[in-house]
Every structure is written in structure tokens, then in C-alpha cells.
Amino acid sequence: MIIPVILSGGSGSRLWPLSRELYPKQLLPLVSDRTMLQETVIRLEGLPELGQPMVICNEQHRFMVAEQLRQVGAEQATILLEPVGRNTAPAVALAALQAGAAGEDPLLLVLPADHVIRDAAAFRAAAQAGAALAEEERLVTFGIVPDKAETGYGYIKAGASLASPVPAAAFAVAAFVEKPDLATAERYVAAGDYYWNSGMFLFRASVYLEELERFAPAMLAACRKALETAQQDLDFIRVDAAAFAACPADSIDYAVMEKTAAAAVIPLAAGWSDVGSWSALWEVAQADAAGNVLVGDVLAADSRNSYLHASSRMLATVGVEDLVVVETADAVLVAGKDRVQDVKKIVEQLKRDGRGEALLHRKVNRPWGSYESIDSAERFQVKHIIVRPGATLSLQMHHHRAEHWVVVRGTARVTRGDEVLTLSENQSTYIPLGVTHRLENPGRIPLELIEVQSGSYLGEDDIVRFEDKYGR
């Protein structure tokens, strides 16, 4: 059996302002109507002996990950929560230990959640070839056949050809090499035996754990301890925070693949991109005759070779070339296409300044629905709240603010102190400061309401929860 292990822990800061720390690129629909996480799951369909996926993500993303998996029929997936990021080697160790907990020893197909692969059939064929090698206790990686000299990727040098059990090229790994300068990258591409390091792997769970025991025993011991004391939390497996925080951080490449004698590489030409920047997204997206990628309500006059993305209003350009312009409800990015790697500097500055635009969009997803900030000032804030049918917010109270709710669509069941009210469209209620309250949607359509908050402090941390079905 092949268990897909999908790594979904990144923040994608180079794709700000669309990608935010609490709503990163793998959870966004960047190249199709489905999110990148969903595309990663869907392209696996057709692989033989495919088990339910295992997704590794952080706590803040857990409900969005679960909902997106449900939407593509993968609600039986195992979701492991990382309390802190420790890079890919410990994350995959958790997956391998969890996969072996039932006494089985499956193959693990390790995939980042945020890659684009245009030719899914070629990818599946390479995965099947990798599975055959993994059955022979090889640790397989997939090397992307380069179509240009790229300085943004690490490279894998292929060694001796391997007798693959399936009709596909396969080689022993001669070396992993770091990101090169341009002249070195050009030599690599001209040589023909260097491939981009994709960060995708396939191996038997026990073989990976044996090699990790050999080369990074402290890492494996910390992961064992973290999983031994893990707790089931709703649909999630929450590993022990203290034990996992003590785990050394390292990538699969450094911890295992560069040291093992069992590493193999299978070349892959499948329209792959890690979409690590706006220019990379421009390269994989569908452009018009002028070379522009237009997303949303965009008017481009005499503009060329640009990525133009509008989320909430019309975006118009005149006479621009080689630009990236990305508009969201609360931020606009304008960058030269050759400078998009520096977008992360803006994110770093936002974090230093304590600005929320690094973390969240104006529309914030919650397990029960979403809310969007419409207006705010020193002592008031207005939000548009949407509650999914059957969903319930926590029973809570606030020390510093009162709230006025106006129902604009659907039906609301409101707990206010000892009262329980049912409100329909155009009806409202007032929640005084310090009063315990809860909002529910008992209906079959989304509940929409306008919330007006007033008080001395309006932060989201002014919530005291007494009951919460989502375990927050």
C-alpha cells in the first residue's frame, strides 16, 4: 500500500499578500478552482493500492485543512498536528511512526502540499516506478528534468543507472548539491545528469526509520516520545508539544538522503513548479497574447508580461511591463518581476511592526464559517459574520466589549445569559459586556449577520470560552 504523506506546514511568505501566515499558499486556489492542497490529493487518483492520505500541518490551519480534504472526498485522511515547525525530517518521522502503529509497513509517498504538476499522468507513472524501487528498500527522490539554468533550486547529480523493475529511468544518487550560481547552474544543465531537487520522496516507512535511527537517533527518539503521548483531538492527532519542541530540526535531505547509500533518483518531466514566487506563478499560469496573466476584474492597456491579480475591486494598468500587481481587500503589492524574491522582506517588516496584514486577510476563516472586518475605529468595529448551516460558535463572554447583532440572512439561535432567542432576517439583539452568549445556525442556509462591537478593547484575544465543540 502507498500512503501519501502531504506536508502542509509552510507559510508561503513570498506570495504575500495572497498568502498569509494563517492562510498560506497551499490552502489557496492559485492555479485552478481548487486549492493547491486539494490538487495534490486529486492528482494521486489512479495510483494502485493507494491508501488514505496523511497530512502534516500546524494547529492554526487544522480546520481549513480538514474542510478542504472533505470537499475532495478525503475526509478519512489522518491529520497530524505539529505544535512547532521542525522541518521535513521530523514531520515524515511522525508519519512513518503513525503509519506503522497498526502493525503495517506501507510505502510513504512524501509530497509538499504547494507544488504544481501539470502532467498528472507522468507524475503517477514516476510514482509507480518509485514504488517498485522502494520495494527493494531504496529511498527514492524525484529529480525534475531542468528546462533552464535555475539558481533557486538545489540539484541532484545522478550516478550509476539502476535496473528498475519497471520501464523507467532510475539512477543511484551521486550527490546532492546546494543552490548554485548562474554559471554553475548552466554547467549542470549542459551536463545532462543533474536534476532539480523536488522535495518529493518515496520509501518504505521502516526503511526511512532505520536510516533515521542510523544518522539522526536523537531526532527519532524525540519523535517517538512525541507520538507515544499524542492525544486524539476531534479529527486530529495532536502530538506532545514539549517532546516535539525538543526534537532537532532538519530536512530529509540533510538528515538522511545525503548520507544513505540507498538513495535513488527518478527523473520527472511533468510540468513541475514549487510556485515559490509570483514570477514562478506567472510562468505556470495561462497568459494572454501580450504575456499577461489576468486574475479577477483586471483591465490591462498597453501592458506586457505582467502578473495582475485583483481580489476585491477593479485593477487597471496602463503601459506597464514585467510587473507583479496583486490587490487584496487590505493590501496592494507592486513589484518588478525580477524582484519578487524580496517580497519576504515586506512580510518581515510587517511582523516587526506588529501589523496584522502578515498573519490574516480581512476575511478570516473559522471552523464554524468566517468573519470579515468592514470598518473599525478606536472604540468600535463592524464585522460581517457567516455561520455555516448547523454550526455553533463557542459559549463565551468578553471583558471589554459589548456586541449588537443584526441578522441579514437566515435564522439565528442566540444564547444570551439565561435566555435563548430565535432571530430571523431584519431582527437584532444586544449582548452587554460581560454576559455569556452563544450564536448558532439551526437552519439549512448560511446565517449572515452584521456585528457591531463597542468597547475599550476589541482584540480577538478578549474571548473567555466556556464550551467549544471545536476544542479551542
Foldseek 3Di string as FASTA:
>chain_A
DEEEEEEEADQLLLPPPVGFNLCGQLLDPLAHPAGLLLVVVVLLPPQPPYDQYEYEYAPSCVLSSCVSCVVNPRNVYAYEHAPDDQAALLSVLLVLCVVCPVVDWHKYKYYYSQKDFQASVLVSVLVVQQRQLQVVVFKEFEFELDPAQDQPFKKWFFDAWDPTPDPFTKGFTPAIGHRDPRVVSVVQNVVRRMGTGRLIIIHISVSSLVQLCVQPVQQSVLSVQQQVPWDDAPSHTYTDNVSNVPHHGDYCCVRGVRPDRRYMYTYTHGLMDSCSHPLRSLVSHDADPQLEAEADQEAEACEHNEYEYEDPDYHYYYNYYQWYWYDDPPDIDIDRVVCSVCSSVVLVVCVVVVHCSNHDGQWAADSQGIKGWDDDDQFKTKIKDKGAAFGKFFFKAFQWKKKKKAWQAAWKWKDWAPDTDIDHHRDIDIHDHPTTMMIGHNDHGITIIMMMMGGNDDDPVRIDGDDGPNRD
